Amino acid sequence: MIYELRHYIPTEGMKDRMRERFARDSLPLFNKTGIKLINFWETPESGEIWYVVEWPDEKAASVGWQEFVQLRNGKRSRPARSKTVRSQQATGLC
């Protein structure tokens, strides 16, 4: 097993938007792509997001993140998803 720690720091004034985007977009894509979320926490003062995911091996991690990025960027997904990504890019969240 491989455990991967990820850490995101919001830019000034964007912590609420980052939290919303993570809950609305990233977590559902984790489920869709088989990314196994082990733990998640947020630093209240700064809005930093930390989480740990579990992979069976390095190849699964590489394939899983590639699929996640493709779906997040609107490839192989619904047109509505592409609209969401374009909106996020316009507001600096992507």
N, C-alpha and C. Protein backbone atom coordinates (compact mmCIF):
# COMPACT_ATOMS: atom_id res chain seq x y z
N MET A 1 0.83 -1.19 0.00
CA MET A 1 0.00 0.00 0.00
C MET A 1 0.88 1.26 0.00
N ILE A 2 0.38 2.26 -0.67
CA ILE A 2 1.03 3.56 -0.69
C ILE A 2 0.04 4.58 -0.12
N TYR A 3 0.52 5.40 0.78
CA TYR A 3 -0.29 6.48 1.35
C TYR A 3 0.28 7.80 0.87
N GLU A 4 -0.57 8.61 0.33
CA GLU A 4 -0.13 9.89 -0.25
C GLU A 4 -0.78 11.04 0.51
N LEU A 5 0.04 11.93 1.02
CA LEU A 5 -0.44 13.13 1.72
C LEU A 5 -0.46 14.28 0.73
N ARG A 6 -1.59 14.96 0.65
CA ARG A 6 -1.73 16.12 -0.23
C ARG A 6 -2.09 17.33 0.62
N HIS A 7 -1.60 18.50 0.19
CA HIS A 7 -1.78 19.73 0.96
C HIS A 7 -2.04 20.87 -0.02
N TYR A 8 -3.13 21.60 0.21
CA TYR A 8 -3.48 22.73 -0.65
C TYR A 8 -3.62 23.98 0.20
N ILE A 9 -3.02 25.06 -0.28
CA ILE A 9 -3.07 26.35 0.41
C ILE A 9 -3.83 27.33 -0.49
N PRO A 10 -4.94 27.88 0.01
CA PRO A 10 -5.71 28.81 -0.83
C PRO A 10 -4.99 30.14 -1.00
N THR A 11 -5.19 30.75 -2.14
CA THR A 11 -4.68 32.10 -2.33
C THR A 11 -5.54 33.05 -1.50
N GLU A 12 -5.03 34.22 -1.27
CA GLU A 12 -5.70 35.22 -0.44
C GLU A 12 -7.15 35.41 -0.88
N GLY A 13 -8.07 35.30 0.07
CA GLY A 13 -9.48 35.54 -0.19
C GLY A 13 -10.22 34.40 -0.88
N MET A 14 -9.56 33.25 -1.07
CA MET A 14 -10.19 32.16 -1.83
C MET A 14 -10.48 30.92 -0.98
N LYS A 15 -10.30 30.97 0.34
CA LYS A 15 -10.43 29.74 1.13
C LYS A 15 -11.84 29.16 1.08
N ASP A 16 -12.88 29.99 1.12
CA ASP A 16 -14.24 29.46 1.05
C ASP A 16 -14.53 28.83 -0.31
N ARG A 17 -14.05 29.48 -1.36
CA ARG A 17 -14.26 28.93 -2.71
C ARG A 17 -13.50 27.62 -2.90
N MET A 18 -12.29 27.53 -2.34
CA MET A 18 -11.53 26.31 -2.46
C MET A 18 -12.23 25.17 -1.72
N ARG A 19 -12.72 25.44 -0.54
CA ARG A 19 -13.44 24.43 0.24
C ARG A 19 -14.68 23.96 -0.52
N GLU A 20 -15.45 24.91 -1.07
CA GLU A 20 -16.66 24.57 -1.82
C GLU A 20 -16.32 23.72 -3.04
N ARG A 21 -15.29 24.13 -3.76
CA ARG A 21 -14.89 23.38 -4.95
C ARG A 21 -14.47 21.96 -4.60
N PHE A 22 -13.72 21.83 -3.52
CA PHE A 22 -13.26 20.51 -3.11
C PHE A 22 -14.46 19.62 -2.79
N ALA A 23 -15.41 20.14 -2.02
CA ALA A 23 -16.59 19.35 -1.64
C ALA A 23 -17.49 19.05 -2.84
N ARG A 24 -17.68 20.03 -3.70
CA ARG A 24 -18.60 19.90 -4.83
C ARG A 24 -18.01 19.09 -5.99
N ASP A 25 -16.73 19.30 -6.27
CA ASP A 25 -16.13 18.72 -7.47
C ASP A 25 -15.14 17.58 -7.20
N SER A 26 -14.18 17.82 -6.32
CA SER A 26 -13.10 16.84 -6.13
C SER A 26 -13.58 15.57 -5.45
N LEU A 27 -14.31 15.69 -4.34
CA LEU A 27 -14.72 14.49 -3.62
C LEU A 27 -15.58 13.56 -4.47
N PRO A 28 -16.56 14.07 -5.23
CA PRO A 28 -17.31 13.16 -6.11
C PRO A 28 -16.42 12.49 -7.17
N LEU A 29 -15.42 13.22 -7.66
CA LEU A 29 -14.51 12.61 -8.64
C LEU A 29 -13.63 11.55 -8.00
N PHE A 30 -13.29 11.72 -6.72
CA PHE A 30 -12.55 10.67 -6.01
C PHE A 30 -13.36 9.38 -6.08
N ASN A 31 -14.64 9.47 -5.75
CA ASN A 31 -15.49 8.28 -5.77
C ASN A 31 -15.59 7.69 -7.16
N LYS A 32 -15.74 8.54 -8.14
CA LYS A 32 -15.90 8.10 -9.53
C LYS A 32 -14.64 7.41 -10.06
N THR A 33 -13.48 7.86 -9.65
CA THR A 33 -12.22 7.33 -10.17
C THR A 33 -11.57 6.29 -9.24
N GLY A 34 -12.21 6.00 -8.11
CA GLY A 34 -11.68 4.99 -7.20
C GLY A 34 -10.56 5.47 -6.31
N ILE A 35 -10.41 6.77 -6.16
CA ILE A 35 -9.40 7.30 -5.24
C ILE A 35 -9.93 7.11 -3.82
N LYS A 36 -9.19 6.35 -3.02
CA LYS A 36 -9.64 6.00 -1.67
C LYS A 36 -9.14 7.05 -0.67
N LEU A 37 -10.07 7.88 -0.21
CA LEU A 37 -9.75 8.92 0.77
C LEU A 37 -9.70 8.30 2.16
N ILE A 38 -8.57 8.42 2.82
CA ILE A 38 -8.37 7.84 4.15
C ILE A 38 -8.65 8.86 5.25
N ASN A 39 -8.18 10.09 5.05
CA ASN A 39 -8.37 11.13 6.06
C ASN A 39 -8.38 12.49 5.37
N PHE A 40 -9.06 13.42 6.00
CA PHE A 40 -9.23 14.77 5.45
C PHE A 40 -9.33 15.74 6.61
N TRP A 41 -8.65 16.85 6.52
CA TRP A 41 -8.82 17.90 7.52
C TRP A 41 -8.49 19.25 6.92
N GLU A 42 -8.99 20.27 7.60
CA GLU A 42 -8.80 21.64 7.16
C GLU A 42 -8.29 22.47 8.33
N THR A 43 -7.35 23.36 8.04
CA THR A 43 -6.85 24.28 9.05
C THR A 43 -7.80 25.48 9.07
N PRO A 44 -8.58 25.65 10.14
CA PRO A 44 -9.63 26.68 10.16
C PRO A 44 -9.13 28.10 9.89
N GLU A 45 -8.01 28.47 10.46
CA GLU A 45 -7.53 29.85 10.32
C GLU A 45 -7.16 30.19 8.88
N SER A 46 -6.43 29.30 8.25
CA SER A 46 -5.91 29.59 6.91
C SER A 46 -6.73 28.96 5.79
N GLY A 47 -7.57 27.97 6.12
CA GLY A 47 -8.34 27.28 5.09
C GLY A 47 -7.54 26.25 4.33
N GLU A 48 -6.32 25.92 4.81
CA GLU A 48 -5.52 24.90 4.15
C GLU A 48 -6.24 23.56 4.22
N ILE A 49 -6.18 22.80 3.14
CA ILE A 49 -6.78 21.49 3.08
C ILE A 49 -5.68 20.45 3.03
N TRP A 50 -5.82 19.44 3.87
CA TRP A 50 -4.90 18.32 3.92
C TRP A 50 -5.71 17.04 3.75
N TYR A 51 -5.16 16.08 3.01
CA TYR A 51 -5.83 14.78 2.98
C TYR A 51 -4.85 13.68 2.63
N VAL A 52 -5.25 12.46 2.97
CA VAL A 52 -4.44 11.28 2.71
C VAL A 52 -5.27 10.33 1.86
N VAL A 53 -4.68 9.84 0.78
CA VAL A 53 -5.33 8.82 -0.05
C VAL A 53 -4.46 7.56 -0.04
N GLU A 54 -5.12 6.44 -0.29
CA GLU A 54 -4.44 5.15 -0.29
C GLU A 54 -4.50 4.53 -1.68
N TRP A 55 -3.35 3.99 -2.10
CA TRP A 55 -3.25 3.31 -3.40
C TRP A 55 -2.65 1.93 -3.18
N PRO A 56 -3.04 0.96 -4.00
CA PRO A 56 -2.43 -0.37 -3.88
C PRO A 56 -0.95 -0.36 -4.31
N ASP A 57 -0.61 0.49 -5.30
CA ASP A 57 0.78 0.56 -5.78
C ASP A 57 0.97 1.86 -6.59
N GLU A 58 2.20 2.10 -7.03
CA GLU A 58 2.51 3.33 -7.76
C GLU A 58 1.76 3.44 -9.08
N LYS A 59 1.61 2.33 -9.78
CA LYS A 59 0.90 2.36 -11.05
C LYS A 59 -0.56 2.78 -10.85
N ALA A 60 -1.21 2.26 -9.83
CA ALA A 60 -2.60 2.62 -9.55
C ALA A 60 -2.70 4.12 -9.23
N ALA A 61 -1.72 4.65 -8.51
CA ALA A 61 -1.71 6.08 -8.19
C ALA A 61 -1.59 6.91 -9.46
N SER A 62 -0.68 6.53 -10.33
CA SER A 62 -0.48 7.27 -11.57
C SER A 62 -1.73 7.24 -12.45
N VAL A 63 -2.30 6.07 -12.63
CA VAL A 63 -3.50 5.93 -13.45
C VAL A 63 -4.68 6.67 -12.81
N GLY A 64 -4.82 6.53 -11.49
CA GLY A 64 -5.93 7.19 -10.79
C GLY A 64 -5.88 8.70 -10.92
N TRP A 65 -4.70 9.29 -10.72
CA TRP A 65 -4.60 10.75 -10.83
C TRP A 65 -4.78 11.21 -12.27
N GLN A 66 -4.30 10.43 -13.24
CA GLN A 66 -4.50 10.80 -14.65
C GLN A 66 -5.99 10.83 -14.99
N GLU A 67 -6.71 9.82 -14.53
CA GLU A 67 -8.15 9.78 -14.80
C GLU A 67 -8.87 10.93 -14.09
N PHE A 68 -8.46 11.21 -12.86
CA PHE A 68 -9.04 12.32 -12.10
C PHE A 68 -8.87 13.64 -12.87
N VAL A 69 -7.66 13.90 -13.35
CA VAL A 69 -7.37 15.14 -14.07
C VAL A 69 -8.16 15.21 -15.37
N GLN A 70 -8.26 14.11 -16.08
CA GLN A 70 -9.05 14.09 -17.32
C GLN A 70 -10.50 14.44 -17.05
N LEU A 71 -11.07 13.83 -16.02
CA LEU A 71 -12.47 14.12 -15.69
C LEU A 71 -12.64 15.55 -15.19
N ARG A 72 -11.71 16.00 -14.37
CA ARG A 72 -11.78 17.37 -13.84
C ARG A 72 -11.70 18.39 -14.96
N ASN A 73 -10.91 18.08 -15.98
CA ASN A 73 -10.75 19.01 -17.09
C ASN A 73 -11.80 18.84 -18.17
N GLY A 74 -12.78 17.99 -17.92
CA GLY A 74 -13.90 17.85 -18.83
C GLY A 74 -13.75 16.81 -19.91
N LYS A 75 -12.66 16.07 -19.92
CA LYS A 75 -12.50 15.01 -20.92
C LYS A 75 -13.24 13.77 -20.42
N ARG A 76 -13.90 13.10 -21.36
CA ARG A 76 -14.64 11.89 -21.03
C ARG A 76 -15.72 12.15 -19.98
N SER A 77 -16.30 13.33 -20.00
CA SER A 77 -17.34 13.64 -19.03
C SER A 77 -18.47 14.41 -19.68
N ARG A 78 -19.46 14.72 -18.90
CA ARG A 78 -20.64 15.44 -19.36
C ARG A 78 -20.29 16.87 -19.76
N PRO A 79 -21.04 17.45 -20.69
CA PRO A 79 -20.81 18.86 -21.05
C PRO A 79 -20.96 19.80 -19.85
N ALA A 80 -21.85 19.50 -18.92
CA ALA A 80 -22.03 20.36 -17.74
C ALA A 80 -20.75 20.41 -16.92
N ARG A 81 -20.03 19.32 -16.86
CA ARG A 81 -18.78 19.26 -16.12
C ARG A 81 -17.76 20.20 -16.77
N SER A 82 -17.71 20.22 -18.09
CA SER A 82 -16.79 21.12 -18.78
C SER A 82 -17.11 22.58 -18.48
N LYS A 83 -18.40 22.89 -18.40
CA LYS A 83 -18.82 24.25 -18.06
C LYS A 83 -18.32 24.62 -16.66
N THR A 84 -18.39 23.68 -15.72
CA THR A 84 -17.90 23.93 -14.36
C THR A 84 -16.41 24.24 -14.37
N VAL A 85 -15.66 23.45 -15.11
CA VAL A 85 -14.21 23.67 -15.17
C VAL A 85 -13.89 25.03 -15.79
N ARG A 86 -14.58 25.40 -16.87
CA ARG A 86 -14.34 26.70 -17.49
C ARG A 86 -14.64 27.83 -16.50
N SER A 87 -15.70 27.67 -15.73
CA SER A 87 -16.07 28.67 -14.73
C SER A 87 -14.97 28.79 -13.67
N GLN A 88 -14.43 27.65 -13.22
CA GLN A 88 -13.38 27.65 -12.21
C GLN A 88 -12.11 28.27 -12.76
N GLN A 89 -11.81 27.99 -14.00
CA GLN A 89 -10.61 28.57 -14.61
C GLN A 89 -10.74 30.08 -14.69
N ALA A 90 -11.92 30.57 -15.00
CA ALA A 90 -12.16 32.01 -15.11
C ALA A 90 -12.00 32.72 -13.77
N THR A 91 -12.30 32.00 -12.67
CA THR A 91 -12.21 32.61 -11.35
C THR A 91 -10.90 32.28 -10.63
N GLY A 92 -9.99 31.60 -11.32
CA GLY A 92 -8.68 31.31 -10.74
C GLY A 92 -8.67 30.11 -9.81
N LEU A 93 -9.69 29.25 -9.87
CA LEU A 93 -9.75 28.10 -8.99
C LEU A 93 -9.23 26.83 -9.61
N CYS A 94 -8.78 26.87 -10.84
CA CYS A 94 -8.35 25.65 -11.51
C CYS A 94 -6.95 25.83 -12.04
